[in-house]
C-alpha atoms as a PDB file:
ATOM      1  CA  MET A   1      27.590   8.860 127.001  1.00  0.00           C
ATOM      2  CA  LEU A   2      31.159   7.875 126.251  1.00  0.00           C
ATOM      3  CA  SER A   3      33.989   9.269 124.154  1.00  0.00           C
ATOM      4  CA  LYS A   4      35.166   7.183 121.270  1.00  0.00           C
ATOM      5  CA  ARG A   5      38.220   6.114 123.211  1.00  0.00           C
ATOM      6  CA  LEU A   6      36.235   5.081 126.321  1.00  0.00           C
ATOM      7  CA  LYS A   7      33.613   3.208 124.057  1.00  0.00           C
ATOM      8  CA  PHE A   8      36.577   1.277 122.537  1.00  0.00           C
ATOM      9  CA  ILE A   9      37.841   0.351 126.031  1.00  0.00           C
ATOM     10  CA  ALA A  10      34.314  -0.695 127.132  1.00  0.00           C
ATOM     11  CA  ASP A  11      33.851  -2.844 124.000  1.00  0.00           C
ATOM     12  CA  ILE A  12      37.013  -4.943 124.844  1.00  0.00           C
ATOM     13  CA  VAL A  13      35.984  -5.571 128.417  1.00  0.00           C
ATOM     14  CA  LYS A  14      34.428  -9.115 128.809  1.00  0.00           C
ATOM     15  CA  GLU A  15      30.891  -9.392 130.100  1.00  0.00           C
ATOM     16  CA  ASN A  16      30.412 -10.230 133.723  1.00  0.00           C
ATOM     17  CA  SER A  17      33.860  -9.163 134.530  1.00  0.00           C
ATOM     18  CA  ASN A  18      34.802  -7.824 138.130  1.00  0.00           C
ATOM     19  CA  VAL A  19      36.321  -4.542 137.270  1.00  0.00           C
ATOM     20  CA  LEU A  20      38.386  -1.772 139.135  1.00  0.00           C
ATOM     21  CA  ASP A  21      38.309   1.483 137.032  1.00  0.00           C
ATOM     22  CA  VAL A  22      41.302   3.585 138.411  1.00  0.00           C
ATOM     23  CA  ALA A  23      41.147   7.276 137.892  1.00  0.00           C
ATOM     24  CA  CYS A  24      37.497   6.804 136.843  1.00  0.00           C
ATOM     25  CA  ASP A  25      36.829  10.694 136.771  1.00  0.00           C
ATOM     26  CA  HIS A  26      32.901  11.090 136.634  1.00  0.00           C
ATOM     27  CA  GLY A  27      32.343   7.371 136.349  1.00  0.00           C
ATOM     28  CA  LEU A  28      30.747   7.178 132.999  1.00  0.00           C
ATOM     29  CA  LEU A  29      32.809   4.208 131.776  1.00  0.00           C
ATOM     30  CA  ALA A  30      32.224   2.467 135.023  1.00  0.00           C
ATOM     31  CA  ILE A  31      28.452   2.948 134.782  1.00  0.00           C
ATOM     32  CA  TYR A  32      28.447   1.902 131.140  1.00  0.00           C
ATOM     33  CA  LEU A  33      30.137  -1.309 131.981  1.00  0.00           C
ATOM     34  CA  GLU A  34      27.657  -2.060 134.714  1.00  0.00           C
ATOM     35  CA  LYS A  35      24.648  -1.339 132.458  1.00  0.00           C
ATOM     36  CA  GLU A  36      25.828  -2.660 129.055  1.00  0.00           C
ATOM     37  CA  LYS A  37      28.297  -5.508 130.016  1.00  0.00           C
ATOM     38  CA  ASN A  38      26.713  -6.687 133.351  1.00  0.00           C
ATOM     39  CA  CYS A  39      30.111  -6.136 135.129  1.00  0.00           C
ATOM     40  CA  ASN A  40      30.567  -5.599 138.751  1.00  0.00           C
ATOM     41  CA  VAL A  41      32.521  -2.363 138.973  1.00  0.00           C
ATOM     42  CA  ILE A  42      34.532  -0.303 141.597  1.00  0.00           C
ATOM     43  CA  GLY A  43      35.522   3.184 140.439  1.00  0.00           C
ATOM     44  CA  THR A  44      38.227   5.190 142.234  1.00  0.00           C
ATOM     45  CA  ASP A  45      39.799   8.547 141.906  1.00  0.00           C
ATOM     46  CA  ILE A  46      42.177  10.554 144.063  1.00  0.00           C
ATOM     47  CA  LYS A  47      40.067  13.747 143.431  1.00  0.00           C
ATOM     48  CA  ASN A  48      37.065  14.452 145.619  1.00  0.00           C
ATOM     49  CA  SER A  49      35.366  16.492 142.853  1.00  0.00           C
ATOM     50  CA  ALA A  50      35.752  13.522 140.439  1.00  0.00           C
ATOM     51  CA  ILE A  51      34.014  11.143 142.864  1.00  0.00           C
ATOM     52  CA  GLU A  52      31.264  13.736 143.675  1.00  0.00           C
ATOM     53  CA  GLY A  53      30.575  13.880 139.840  1.00  0.00           C
ATOM     54  CA  ALA A  54      30.501  10.082 139.753  1.00  0.00           C
ATOM     55  CA  LEU A  55      28.035   9.827 142.564  1.00  0.00           C
ATOM     56  CA  ARG A  56      25.796  12.261 140.777  1.00  0.00           C
ATOM     57  CA  ASN A  57      25.915  10.101 137.540  1.00  0.00           C
ATOM     58  CA  LYS A  58      25.243   7.069 139.654  1.00  0.00           C
ATOM     59  CA  LYS A  59      22.146   8.525 140.786  1.00  0.00           C
ATOM     60  CA  LYS A  60      21.227   9.955 137.374  1.00  0.00           C
ATOM     61  CA  TYR A  61      21.655   6.526 135.632  1.00  0.00           C
ATOM     62  CA  ASN A  62      20.341   4.443 138.600  1.00  0.00           C
ATOM     63  CA  ALA A  63      23.573   2.508 138.835  1.00  0.00           C
ATOM     64  CA  ASN A  64      24.955   0.218 141.544  1.00  0.00           C
ATOM     65  CA  VAL A  65      28.721   1.008 140.962  1.00  0.00           C
ATOM     66  CA  LYS A  66      30.699   1.625 144.034  1.00  0.00           C
ATOM     67  CA  PHE A  67      32.801   4.869 144.002  1.00  0.00           C
ATOM     68  CA  PHE A  68      35.498   5.767 146.327  1.00  0.00           C
ATOM     69  CA  VAL A  69      38.215   8.541 146.787  1.00  0.00           C
ATOM     70  CA  ALA A  70      41.148   6.244 146.706  1.00  0.00           C
ATOM     71  CA  ASP A  71      44.729   6.055 145.284  1.00  0.00           C
ATOM     72  CA  GLY A  72      46.097   3.640 142.767  1.00  0.00           C
ATOM     73  CA  LEU A  73      45.200  -0.059 143.465  1.00  0.00           C
ATOM     74  CA  SER A  74      44.249   0.436 147.077  1.00  0.00           C
ATOM     75  CA  LYS A  75      40.743  -0.928 146.332  1.00  0.00           C
ATOM     76  CA  LEU A  76      41.987  -4.065 144.500  1.00  0.00           C
ATOM     77  CA  THR A  77      40.503  -7.071 145.949  1.00  0.00           C
ATOM     78  CA  ARG A  78      40.956 -10.704 145.152  1.00  0.00           C
ATOM     79  CA  ASP A  79      37.763 -11.034 143.078  1.00  0.00           C
ATOM     80  CA  ILE A  80      38.787  -8.259 140.755  1.00  0.00           C
ATOM     81  CA  ASN A  81      40.046  -9.741 137.428  1.00  0.00           C
ATOM     82  CA  THR A  82      40.087  -6.599 135.282  1.00  0.00           C
ATOM     83  CA  VAL A  83      41.807  -3.237 135.876  1.00  0.00           C
ATOM     84  CA  ILE A  84      41.271  -0.239 133.711  1.00  0.00           C
ATOM     85  CA  ILE A  85      43.468   2.873 133.875  1.00  0.00           C
ATOM     86  CA  ALA A  86      42.813   5.489 131.194  1.00  0.00           C
ATOM     87  CA  GLY A  87      43.881   9.069 131.221  1.00  0.00           C
ATOM     88  CA  LEU A  88      47.000   8.981 133.502  1.00  0.00           C
ATOM     89  CA  GLY A  89      50.673   9.462 132.435  1.00  0.00           C
ATOM     90  CA  SER A  90      52.774   6.340 131.692  1.00  0.00           C
ATOM     91  CA  GLN A  91      55.153   6.968 134.644  1.00  0.00           C
ATOM     92  CA  THR A  92      52.179   7.324 137.029  1.00  0.00           C
ATOM     93  CA  VAL A  93      50.637   4.064 135.562  1.00  0.00           C
ATOM     94  CA  ILE A  94      53.828   2.237 135.935  1.00  0.00           C
ATOM     95  CA  GLU A  95      54.136   3.275 139.629  1.00  0.00           C
ATOM     96  CA  ILE A  96      50.549   2.101 140.252  1.00  0.00           C
ATOM     97  CA  LEU A  97      51.089  -1.260 138.511  1.00  0.00           C
ATOM     98  CA  ASP A  98      54.393  -1.783 140.272  1.00  0.00           C
ATOM     99  CA  THR A  99      52.819  -4.206 142.712  1.00  0.00           C
ATOM    100  CA  ASP A 100      51.540  -7.802 143.044  1.00  0.00           C
ATOM    101  CA  LEU A 101      49.100  -8.466 140.277  1.00  0.00           C
ATOM    102  CA  LYS A 102      48.786 -12.217 140.588  1.00  0.00           C
ATOM    103  CA  ASN A 103      44.949 -12.170 140.806  1.00  0.00           C
ATOM    104  CA  VAL A 104      44.610  -9.798 137.887  1.00  0.00           C
ATOM    105  CA  ASN A 105      44.037 -11.413 134.509  1.00  0.00           C
ATOM    106  CA  THR A 106      43.405  -8.419 132.403  1.00  0.00           C
ATOM    107  CA  LEU A 107      44.810  -4.788 132.334  1.00  0.00           C
ATOM    108  CA  ILE A 108      43.322  -2.283 129.944  1.00  0.00           C
ATOM    109  CA  VAL A 109      45.426   0.913 129.938  1.00  0.00           C
ATOM    110  CA  SER A 110      45.418   3.865 127.766  1.00  0.00           C
ATOM    111  CA  VAL A 111      48.675   6.060 127.867  1.00  0.00           C
ATOM    112  CA  GLN A 112      50.161   8.327 125.270  1.00  0.00           C
ATOM    113  CA  LYS A 113      53.715   9.163 126.263  1.00  0.00           C
ATOM    114  CA  ASP A 114      56.851   7.117 127.243  1.00  0.00           C
ATOM    115  CA  LEU A 115      55.442   4.138 125.451  1.00  0.00           C
ATOM    116  CA  GLU A 116      58.642   2.269 125.076  1.00  0.00           C
ATOM    117  CA  ASP A 117      59.202   2.450 128.792  1.00  0.00           C
ATOM    118  CA  PHE A 118      55.671   1.317 129.350  1.00  0.00           C
ATOM    119  CA  ARG A 119      55.895  -1.708 126.961  1.00  0.00           C
ATOM    120  CA  ARG A 120      59.100  -2.832 128.515  1.00  0.00           C
ATOM    121  CA  PHE A 121      57.629  -2.594 132.050  1.00  0.00           C
ATOM    122  CA  ILE A 122      54.501  -4.649 131.063  1.00  0.00           C
ATOM    123  CA  HIS A 123      56.645  -7.480 129.756  1.00  0.00           C
ATOM    124  CA  ILE A 124      58.691  -7.424 133.013  1.00  0.00           C
ATOM    125  CA  LYS A 125      55.383  -7.734 134.999  1.00  0.00           C
ATOM    126  CA  GLY A 126      54.532 -10.880 132.971  1.00  0.00           C
ATOM    127  CA  PHE A 127      51.860  -9.709 130.636  1.00  0.00           C
ATOM    128  CA  LYS A 128      51.441  -9.886 126.827  1.00  0.00           C
ATOM    129  CA  ILE A 129      50.432  -6.786 124.838  1.00  0.00           C
ATOM    130  CA  LYS A 130      47.717  -6.216 122.320  1.00  0.00           C
ATOM    131  CA  GLU A 131      47.943  -2.635 121.292  1.00  0.00           C
ATOM    132  CA  SER A 132      45.437  -0.571 119.271  1.00  0.00           C
ATOM    133  CA  LEU A 133      45.024   2.937 118.188  1.00  0.00           C
ATOM    134  CA  VAL A 134      41.822   5.107 118.586  1.00  0.00           C
ATOM    135  CA  PHE A 135      41.570   8.325 116.765  1.00  0.00           C
ATOM    136  CA  ASP A 136      39.269  10.871 118.454  1.00  0.00           C
ATOM    137  CA  LYS A 137      40.619  14.261 117.480  1.00  0.00           C
ATOM    138  CA  ARG A 138      43.992  12.779 118.248  1.00  0.00           C
ATOM    139  CA  TYR A 139      45.627   9.344 118.541  1.00  0.00           C
ATOM    140  CA  TYR A 140      45.180   7.330 121.674  1.00  0.00           C
ATOM    141  CA  ASN A 141      47.101   4.113 122.275  1.00  0.00           C
ATOM    142  CA  VAL A 142      45.099   1.435 124.053  1.00  0.00           C
ATOM    143  CA  PHE A 143      46.731  -1.587 125.493  1.00  0.00           C
ATOM    144  CA  TYR A 144      44.868  -4.868 126.265  1.00  0.00           C
ATOM    145  CA  LEU A 145      47.168  -6.810 128.548  1.00  0.00           C
ATOM    146  CA  THR A 146      46.910 -10.474 129.559  1.00  0.00           C
ATOM    147  CA  LYS A 147      49.100 -12.891 131.466  1.00  0.00           C
ATOM    148  CA  GLY A 148      51.874 -14.481 129.380  1.00  0.00           C
ATOM    149  CA  ILE A 149      55.406 -14.078 128.013  1.00  0.00           C
ATOM    150  CA  GLU A 150      56.426 -12.736 124.611  1.00  0.00           C
ATOM    151  CA  LYS A 151      59.485 -11.127 123.034  1.00  0.00           C
ATOM    152  CA  TYR A 152      59.770  -7.804 121.251  1.00  0.00           C
ATOM    153  CA  SER A 153      62.680  -6.401 119.190  1.00  0.00           C
ATOM    154  CA  ASN A 154      63.965  -2.938 120.119  1.00  0.00           C
ATOM    155  CA  ILE A 155      61.984  -1.326 117.215  1.00  0.00           C
ATOM    156  CA  GLU A 156      58.809  -3.106 118.491  1.00  0.00           C
ATOM    157  CA  TYR A 157      59.289  -1.789 122.037  1.00  0.00           C
ATOM    158  CA  LYS A 158      59.740   1.583 120.581  1.00  0.00           C
ATOM    159  CA  TYR A 159      56.817   1.765 118.112  1.00  0.00           C
ATOM    160  CA  GLY A 160      54.493  -1.099 119.072  1.00  0.00           C
ATOM    161  CA  LYS A 161      54.580  -4.614 117.564  1.00  0.00           C
ATOM    162  CA  ASP A 162      50.881  -4.509 116.705  1.00  0.00           C
ATOM    163  CA  LEU A 163      51.039  -1.069 115.107  1.00  0.00           C
ATOM    164  CA  ILE A 164      54.090  -1.264 112.826  1.00  0.00           C
ATOM    165  CA  ASP A 165      52.456  -3.913 110.499  1.00  0.00           C
ATOM    166  CA  ASN A 166      49.074  -2.410 110.050  1.00  0.00           C
ATOM    167  CA  LYS A 167      48.706  -0.176 107.049  1.00  0.00           C
ATOM    168  CA  GLU A 168      45.803   1.625 108.745  1.00  0.00           C
ATOM    169  CA  ASN A 169      48.312   3.170 111.260  1.00  0.00           C
ATOM    170  CA  ILE A 170      50.473   4.903 108.508  1.00  0.00           C
ATOM    171  CA  ASN A 171      49.040   8.476 109.452  1.00  0.00           C
ATOM    172  CA  TYR A 172      49.811   7.801 113.047  1.00  0.00           C
ATOM    173  CA  PHE A 173      53.519   7.261 112.156  1.00  0.00           C
ATOM    174  CA  LYS A 174      53.556  10.274 109.951  1.00  0.00           C
ATOM    175  CA  GLU A 175      52.088  12.313 112.890  1.00  0.00           C
ATOM    176  CA  LEU A 176      54.975  10.938 115.026  1.00  0.00           C
ATOM    177  CA  GLN A 177      57.412  11.886 112.253  1.00  0.00           C
ATOM    178  CA  LYS A 178      56.414  15.484 112.448  1.00  0.00           C
ATOM    179  CA  ARG A 179      57.563  15.769 116.096  1.00  0.00           C
ATOM    180  CA  TYR A 180      60.965  17.468 116.556  1.00  0.00           C
ATOM    181  CA  GLU A 181      62.619  14.492 118.405  1.00  0.00           C
ATOM    182  CA  ASN A 182      61.640  12.187 115.514  1.00  0.00           C
ATOM    183  CA  LYS A 183      62.689  14.373 112.551  1.00  0.00           C
ATOM    184  CA  ASN A 184      65.602  12.212 111.532  1.00  0.00           C
ATOM    185  CA  ASP A 185      64.556   8.867 112.892  1.00  0.00           C
ATOM    186  CA  GLU A 186      65.542   6.313 110.311  1.00  0.00           C
ATOM    187  CA  GLU A 187      63.458   3.507 111.855  1.00  0.00           C
ATOM    188  CA  LEU A 188      60.305   5.555 111.597  1.00  0.00           C
ATOM    189  CA  GLU A 189      61.162   6.232 107.875  1.00  0.00           C
ATOM    190  CA  ILE A 190      61.488   2.582 107.313  1.00  0.00           C
ATOM    191  CA  ILE A 191      58.090   1.765 108.968  1.00  0.00           C
ATOM    192  CA  ILE A 192      56.342   4.453 106.939  1.00  0.00           C
ATOM    193  CA  LYS A 193      57.877   3.287 103.653  1.00  0.00           C
ATOM    194  CA  LYS A 194      56.943  -0.318 104.460  1.00  0.00           C
ATOM    195  CA  LEU A 195      53.359   0.553 105.224  1.00  0.00           C
ATOM    196  CA  SER A 196      53.228   2.679 102.094  1.00  0.00           C
ATOM    197  CA  HIS A 197      53.909  -0.421 100.065  1.00  0.00           C
ATOM    198  CA  LYS A 198      51.732  -2.756 102.033  1.00  0.00           C
ATOM    199  CA  ASP A 199      48.745  -4.172 100.126  1.00  0.00           C
END
């Protein structure tokens, strides 16, 4: 039912959460969370075609998820404690989250570009970062964000504090190194050498 990335996201959502799934597409994650994690879920998307697909899936799986054509956090209510945004660009996500999030305890976000900007923005908003990589034909960065204050160095903002100390991520950094803009990045070379010698 779910891709590897969406299943990873579903697995880190706490049971019985009140969830807003932004850019829900055809609603499969939202429906899965209701069925498997006993969550109350609202799914939104700006595309009519996406919500039409979600409503078909709602009927197919006999789900109770509420789906709306809506923009960003317009359906955010006081009782929602978890917001999921997967599949949008970093700058779009930053625009969406640049609002009052005082009632939101947890953000789960998957973005792939402008990651340094995103990490810095999240700290400004008063959230701590737990970052993971999911490989599903390509690498996906998944952020589990909770209220709190923490400090990062410049290299941690650039490449991810949780990622640069994990030997399992060495192939991810080698992929980054292949990109033209990273060809002569000394920091990336240091990370790869460090991970290569890690037990």
